[in-house]
Amino acid sequence: MARKPLIETNPYLRSTDEYLKSLVTNVASSTAIETGETTVSLIRSLMKSKIYLELLSAEKKLKKSSK
């Protein structure tokens, strides 16, 4: 029996928007604990980052191609 990847079976990962928001929040909160910065300021920085913007762009392309 073929195994499906976690991203296909976990309902929390099916929505790319929710996945990206959760990922950013988790990274920001972990970094805040280590650095002493606020979670909010780290979330803002992460959401402006090039990687985050590229992920959003790729997600939009995927949604358009799946229609």
PDB file of N, CA and C in Angstrom:
ATOM      1  N   MET A   1       0.842  -1.191   0.000  1.00  0.00           N
ATOM      2  CA  MET A   1       0.000   0.000   0.000  1.00  0.00           C
ATOM      3  C   MET A   1       0.887   1.254   0.000  1.00  0.00           C
ATOM      4  N   ALA A   2       0.595   2.161  -0.908  1.00  0.00           N
ATOM      5  CA  ALA A   2       1.375   3.395  -1.007  1.00  0.00           C
ATOM      6  C   ALA A   2       1.034   4.329   0.149  1.00  0.00           C
ATOM      7  N   ARG A   3       2.052   4.934   0.682  1.00  0.00           N
ATOM      8  CA  ARG A   3       1.855   5.879   1.783  1.00  0.00           C
ATOM      9  C   ARG A   3       1.695   7.281   1.216  1.00  0.00           C
ATOM     10  N   LYS A   4       0.754   8.016   1.763  1.00  0.00           N
ATOM     11  CA  LYS A   4       0.554   9.401   1.351  1.00  0.00           C
ATOM     12  C   LYS A   4       1.440  10.299   2.208  1.00  0.00           C
ATOM     13  N   PRO A   5       1.925  11.396   1.618  1.00  0.00           N
ATOM     14  CA  PRO A   5       2.726  12.332   2.409  1.00  0.00           C
ATOM     15  C   PRO A   5       1.877  13.009   3.485  1.00  0.00           C
ATOM     16  N   LEU A   6       2.527  13.419   4.534  1.00  0.00           N
ATOM     17  CA  LEU A   6       1.843  14.058   5.655  1.00  0.00           C
ATOM     18  C   LEU A   6       1.035  15.275   5.222  1.00  0.00           C
ATOM     19  N   ILE A   7       1.546  16.022   4.265  1.00  0.00           N
ATOM     20  CA  ILE A   7       0.852  17.229   3.823  1.00  0.00           C
ATOM     21  C   ILE A   7      -0.517  16.908   3.195  1.00  0.00           C
ATOM     22  N   GLU A   8      -0.691  15.684   2.692  1.00  0.00           N
ATOM     23  CA  GLU A   8      -1.976  15.282   2.112  1.00  0.00           C
ATOM     24  C   GLU A   8      -2.924  14.689   3.141  1.00  0.00           C
ATOM     25  N   THR A   9      -2.391  14.171   4.229  1.00  0.00           N
ATOM     26  CA  THR A   9      -3.252  13.500   5.205  1.00  0.00           C
ATOM     27  C   THR A   9      -3.555  14.328   6.440  1.00  0.00           C
ATOM     28  N   ASN A  10      -2.724  15.299   6.742  1.00  0.00           N
ATOM     29  CA  ASN A  10      -2.936  16.127   7.928  1.00  0.00           C
ATOM     30  C   ASN A  10      -3.854  17.294   7.564  1.00  0.00           C
ATOM     31  N   PRO A  11      -5.044  17.370   8.181  1.00  0.00           N
ATOM     32  CA  PRO A  11      -5.988  18.434   7.824  1.00  0.00           C
ATOM     33  C   PRO A  11      -5.451  19.837   8.109  1.00  0.00           C
ATOM     34  N   TYR A  12      -4.519  19.960   9.042  1.00  0.00           N
ATOM     35  CA  TYR A  12      -3.959  21.272   9.357  1.00  0.00           C
ATOM     36  C   TYR A  12      -2.978  21.750   8.291  1.00  0.00           C
ATOM     37  N   LEU A  13      -2.507  20.841   7.461  1.00  0.00           N
ATOM     38  CA  LEU A  13      -1.556  21.213   6.420  1.00  0.00           C
ATOM     39  C   LEU A  13      -2.204  21.341   5.049  1.00  0.00           C
ATOM     40  N   ARG A  14      -3.456  20.981   4.921  1.00  0.00           N
ATOM     41  CA  ARG A  14      -4.127  21.028   3.614  1.00  0.00           C
ATOM     42  C   ARG A  14      -4.318  22.450   3.117  1.00  0.00           C
ATOM     43  N   SER A  15      -4.594  23.358   4.010  1.00  0.00           N
ATOM     44  CA  SER A  15      -4.753  24.764   3.630  1.00  0.00           C
ATOM     45  C   SER A  15      -3.381  25.430   3.673  1.00  0.00           C
ATOM     46  N   THR A  16      -2.881  25.830   2.515  1.00  0.00           N
ATOM     47  CA  THR A  16      -1.556  26.429   2.457  1.00  0.00           C
ATOM     48  C   THR A  16      -1.507  27.736   3.235  1.00  0.00           C
ATOM     49  N   ASP A  17      -2.588  28.506   3.183  1.00  0.00           N
ATOM     50  CA  ASP A  17      -2.633  29.761   3.943  1.00  0.00           C
ATOM     51  C   ASP A  17      -2.437  29.496   5.429  1.00  0.00           C
ATOM     52  N   GLU A  18      -3.213  28.555   5.951  1.00  0.00           N
ATOM     53  CA  GLU A  18      -3.123  28.223   7.373  1.00  0.00           C
ATOM     54  C   GLU A  18      -1.761  27.633   7.716  1.00  0.00           C
ATOM     55  N   TYR A  19      -1.233  26.815   6.826  1.00  0.00           N
ATOM     56  CA  TYR A  19       0.080  26.218   7.050  1.00  0.00           C
ATOM     57  C   TYR A  19       1.150  27.299   7.162  1.00  0.00           C
ATOM     58  N   LEU A  20       1.153  28.255   6.232  1.00  0.00           N
ATOM     59  CA  LEU A  20       2.158  29.314   6.252  1.00  0.00           C
ATOM     60  C   LEU A  20       2.012  30.186   7.498  1.00  0.00           C
ATOM     61  N   LYS A  21       0.786  30.506   7.875  1.00  0.00           N
ATOM     62  CA  LYS A  21       0.563  31.306   9.084  1.00  0.00           C
ATOM     63  C   LYS A  21       1.072  30.565  10.317  1.00  0.00           C
ATOM     64  N   SER A  22       0.769  29.294  10.402  1.00  0.00           N
ATOM     65  CA  SER A  22       1.225  28.497  11.537  1.00  0.00           C
ATOM     66  C   SER A  22       2.740  28.388  11.565  1.00  0.00           C
ATOM     67  N   LEU A  23       3.341  28.182  10.409  1.00  0.00           N
ATOM     68  CA  LEU A  23       4.792  28.072  10.326  1.00  0.00           C
ATOM     69  C   LEU A  23       5.459  29.357  10.807  1.00  0.00           C
ATOM     70  N   VAL A  24       4.983  30.492  10.326  1.00  0.00           N
ATOM     71  CA  VAL A  24       5.549  31.785  10.721  1.00  0.00           C
ATOM     72  C   VAL A  24       5.371  32.004  12.221  1.00  0.00           C
ATOM     73  N   THR A  25       4.199  31.690  12.743  1.00  0.00           N
ATOM     74  CA  THR A  25       3.940  31.864  14.172  1.00  0.00           C
ATOM     75  C   THR A  25       4.848  30.973  15.010  1.00  0.00           C
ATOM     76  N   ASN A  26       5.014  29.729  14.603  1.00  0.00           N
ATOM     77  CA  ASN A  26       5.867  28.808  15.349  1.00  0.00           C
ATOM     78  C   ASN A  26       7.328  29.242  15.332  1.00  0.00           C
ATOM     79  N   VAL A  27       7.812  29.646  14.171  1.00  0.00           N
ATOM     80  CA  VAL A  27       9.200  30.097  14.069  1.00  0.00           C
ATOM     81  C   VAL A  27       9.396  31.367  14.896  1.00  0.00           C
ATOM     82  N   ALA A  28       8.455  32.289  14.803  1.00  0.00           N
ATOM     83  CA  ALA A  28       8.572  33.551  15.538  1.00  0.00           C
ATOM     84  C   ALA A  28       8.542  33.325  17.049  1.00  0.00           C
ATOM     85  N   SER A  29       7.659  32.458  17.517  1.00  0.00           N
ATOM     86  CA  SER A  29       7.580  32.252  18.965  1.00  0.00           C
ATOM     87  C   SER A  29       8.830  31.546  19.489  1.00  0.00           C
ATOM     88  N   SER A  30       9.353  30.604  18.744  1.00  0.00           N
ATOM     89  CA  SER A  30      10.585  29.931  19.166  1.00  0.00           C
ATOM     90  C   SER A  30      11.764  30.898  19.173  1.00  0.00           C
ATOM     91  N   THR A  31      11.830  31.732  18.138  1.00  0.00           N
ATOM     92  CA  THR A  31      12.913  32.706  18.048  1.00  0.00           C
ATOM     93  C   THR A  31      12.791  33.750  19.156  1.00  0.00           C
ATOM     94  N   ALA A  32      11.569  34.144  19.474  1.00  0.00           N
ATOM     95  CA  ALA A  32      11.347  35.125  20.537  1.00  0.00           C
ATOM     96  C   ALA A  32      11.856  34.598  21.878  1.00  0.00           C
ATOM     97  N   ILE A  33      11.639  33.338  22.132  1.00  0.00           N
ATOM     98  CA  ILE A  33      12.116  32.739  23.384  1.00  0.00           C
ATOM     99  C   ILE A  33      13.641  32.782  23.440  1.00  0.00           C
ATOM    100  N   GLU A  34      14.272  32.484  22.321  1.00  0.00           N
ATOM    101  CA  GLU A  34      15.741  32.434  22.279  1.00  0.00           C
ATOM    102  C   GLU A  34      16.388  33.816  22.285  1.00  0.00           C
ATOM    103  N   THR A  35      15.749  34.789  21.642  1.00  0.00           N
ATOM    104  CA  THR A  35      16.393  36.102  21.468  1.00  0.00           C
ATOM    105  C   THR A  35      15.872  37.180  22.398  1.00  0.00           C
ATOM    106  N   GLY A  36      14.681  36.996  22.946  1.00  0.00           N
ATOM    107  CA  GLY A  36      14.097  38.015  23.806  1.00  0.00           C
ATOM    108  C   GLY A  36      13.318  39.071  23.044  1.00  0.00           C
ATOM    109  N   GLU A  37      13.264  38.966  21.720  1.00  0.00           N
ATOM    110  CA  GLU A  37      12.453  39.905  20.932  1.00  0.00           C
ATOM    111  C   GLU A  37      10.981  39.531  21.070  1.00  0.00           C
ATOM    112  N   THR A  38      10.110  40.441  20.675  1.00  0.00           N
ATOM    113  CA  THR A  38       8.683  40.133  20.757  1.00  0.00           C
ATOM    114  C   THR A  38       8.269  39.274  19.560  1.00  0.00           C
ATOM    115  N   THR A  39       7.293  38.431  19.802  1.00  0.00           N
ATOM    116  CA  THR A  39       6.786  37.554  18.750  1.00  0.00           C
ATOM    117  C   THR A  39       6.191  38.373  17.609  1.00  0.00           C
ATOM    118  N   VAL A  40       5.484  39.434  17.947  1.00  0.00           N
ATOM    119  CA  VAL A  40       4.831  40.268  16.931  1.00  0.00           C
ATOM    120  C   VAL A  40       5.858  40.883  15.985  1.00  0.00           C
ATOM    121  N   SER A  41       6.949  41.406  16.537  1.00  0.00           N
ATOM    122  CA  SER A  41       7.960  42.029  15.668  1.00  0.00           C
ATOM    123  C   SER A  41       8.621  40.986  14.771  1.00  0.00           C
ATOM    124  N   LEU A  42       8.820  39.787  15.290  1.00  0.00           N
ATOM    125  CA  LEU A  42       9.404  38.722  14.479  1.00  0.00           C
ATOM    126  C   LEU A  42       8.449  38.253  13.384  1.00  0.00           C
ATOM    127  N   ILE A  43       7.159  38.180  13.703  1.00  0.00           N
ATOM    128  CA  ILE A  43       6.169  37.804  12.689  1.00  0.00           C
ATOM    129  C   ILE A  43       6.174  38.833  11.561  1.00  0.00           C
ATOM    130  N   ARG A  44       6.208  40.101  11.911  1.00  0.00           N
ATOM    131  CA  ARG A  44       6.242  41.152  10.884  1.00  0.00           C
ATOM    132  C   ARG A  44       7.479  41.005  10.000  1.00  0.00           C
ATOM    133  N   SER A  45       8.618  40.749  10.617  1.00  0.00           N
ATOM    134  CA  SER A  45       9.860  40.587   9.851  1.00  0.00           C
ATOM    135  C   SER A  45       9.786  39.376   8.931  1.00  0.00           C
ATOM    136  N   LEU A  46       9.277  38.276   9.460  1.00  0.00           N
ATOM    137  CA  LEU A  46       9.185  37.059   8.661  1.00  0.00           C
ATOM    138  C   LEU A  46       8.232  37.220   7.490  1.00  0.00           C
ATOM    139  N   MET A  47       7.125  37.920   7.715  1.00  0.00           N
ATOM    140  CA  MET A  47       6.136  38.084   6.651  1.00  0.00           C
ATOM    141  C   MET A  47       6.628  39.026   5.552  1.00  0.00           C
ATOM    142  N   LYS A  48       7.639  39.820   5.848  1.00  0.00           N
ATOM    143  CA  LYS A  48       8.225  40.694   4.833  1.00  0.00           C
ATOM    144  C   LYS A  48       9.400  40.019   4.128  1.00  0.00           C
ATOM    145  N   SER A  49       9.800  38.869   4.632  1.00  0.00           N
ATOM    146  CA  SER A  49      10.991  38.215   4.079  1.00  0.00           C
ATOM    147  C   SER A  49      10.749  37.693   2.665  1.00  0.00           C
ATOM    148  N   LYS A  50      11.823  37.593   1.922  1.00  0.00           N
ATOM    149  CA  LYS A  50      11.763  37.150   0.533  1.00  0.00           C
ATOM    150  C   LYS A  50      11.227  35.719   0.435  1.00  0.00           C
ATOM    151  N   ILE A  51      11.654  34.855   1.329  1.00  0.00           N
ATOM    152  CA  ILE A  51      11.227  33.452   1.287  1.00  0.00           C
ATOM    153  C   ILE A  51       9.714  33.346   1.487  1.00  0.00           C
ATOM    154  N   TYR A  52       9.165  34.070   2.455  1.00  0.00           N
ATOM    155  CA  TYR A  52       7.728  34.035   2.712  1.00  0.00           C
ATOM    156  C   TYR A  52       6.952  34.515   1.489  1.00  0.00           C
ATOM    157  N   LEU A  53       7.420  35.594   0.892  1.00  0.00           N
ATOM    158  CA  LEU A  53       6.736  36.135  -0.281  1.00  0.00           C
ATOM    159  C   LEU A  53       6.804  35.165  -1.461  1.00  0.00           C
ATOM    160  N   GLU A  54       7.925  34.455  -1.600  1.00  0.00           N
ATOM    161  CA  GLU A  54       8.044  33.453  -2.658  1.00  0.00           C
ATOM    162  C   GLU A  54       7.101  32.279  -2.412  1.00  0.00           C
ATOM    163  N   LEU A  55       6.954  31.875  -1.160  1.00  0.00           N
ATOM    164  CA  LEU A  55       6.018  30.796  -0.836  1.00  0.00           C
ATOM    165  C   LEU A  55       4.580  31.198  -1.151  1.00  0.00           C
ATOM    166  N   LEU A  56       4.219  32.425  -0.827  1.00  0.00           N
ATOM    167  CA  LEU A  56       2.873  32.910  -1.151  1.00  0.00           C
ATOM    168  C   LEU A  56       2.644  32.921  -2.652  1.00  0.00           C
ATOM    169  N   SER A  57       3.641  33.369  -3.398  1.00  0.00           N
ATOM    170  CA  SER A  57       3.530  33.416  -4.851  1.00  0.00           C
ATOM    171  C   SER A  57       3.373  32.011  -5.428  1.00  0.00           C
ATOM    172  N   ALA A  58       4.160  31.070  -4.923  1.00  0.00           N
ATOM    173  CA  ALA A  58       4.074  29.685  -5.399  1.00  0.00           C
ATOM    174  C   ALA A  58       2.711  29.082  -5.072  1.00  0.00           C
ATOM    175  N   GLU A  59       2.182  29.415  -3.905  1.00  0.00           N
ATOM    176  CA  GLU A  59       0.867  28.899  -3.515  1.00  0.00           C
ATOM    177  C   GLU A  59      -0.217  29.425  -4.449  1.00  0.00           C
ATOM    178  N   LYS A  60      -0.148  30.693  -4.800  1.00  0.00           N
ATOM    179  CA  LYS A  60      -1.148  31.273  -5.710  1.00  0.00           C
ATOM    180  C   LYS A  60      -1.092  30.607  -7.077  1.00  0.00           C
ATOM    181  N   LYS A  61       0.128  30.330  -7.546  1.00  0.00           N
ATOM    182  CA  LYS A  61       0.282  29.651  -8.842  1.00  0.00           C
ATOM    183  C   LYS A  61      -0.310  28.251  -8.798  1.00  0.00           C
ATOM    184  N   LEU A  62      -0.098  27.552  -7.692  1.00  0.00           N
ATOM    185  CA  LEU A  62      -0.652  26.210  -7.535  1.00  0.00           C
ATOM    186  C   LEU A  62      -2.173  26.228  -7.544  1.00  0.00           C
ATOM    187  N   LYS A  63      -2.749  27.194  -6.857  1.00  0.00           N
ATOM    188  CA  LYS A  63      -4.206  27.302  -6.808  1.00  0.00           C
ATOM    189  C   LYS A  63      -4.773  27.579  -8.203  1.00  0.00           C
ATOM    190  N   LYS A  64      -4.110  28.451  -8.972  1.00  0.00           N
ATOM    191  CA  LYS A  64      -4.585  28.757 -10.319  1.00  0.00           C
ATOM    192  C   LYS A  64      -4.484  27.548 -11.243  1.00  0.00           C
ATOM    193  N   SER A  65      -3.386  26.797 -11.113  1.00  0.00           N
ATOM    194  CA  SER A  65      -3.190  25.649 -12.005  1.00  0.00           C
ATOM    195  C   SER A  65      -4.084  24.474 -11.653  1.00  0.00           C
ATOM    196  N   SER A  66      -4.565  24.412 -10.415  1.00  0.00           N
ATOM    197  CA  SER A  66      -5.424  23.298 -10.020  1.00  0.00           C
ATOM    198  C   SER A  66      -6.890  23.520 -10.399  1.00  0.00           C
ATOM    199  N   LYS A  67      -7.228  24.732 -10.828  1.00  0.00           N
ATOM    200  CA  LYS A  67      -8.623  25.026 -11.202  1.00  0.00           C
ATOM    201  C   LYS A  67      -8.948  24.533 -12.570  1.00  0.00           C
TER     202      LYS A  67
END
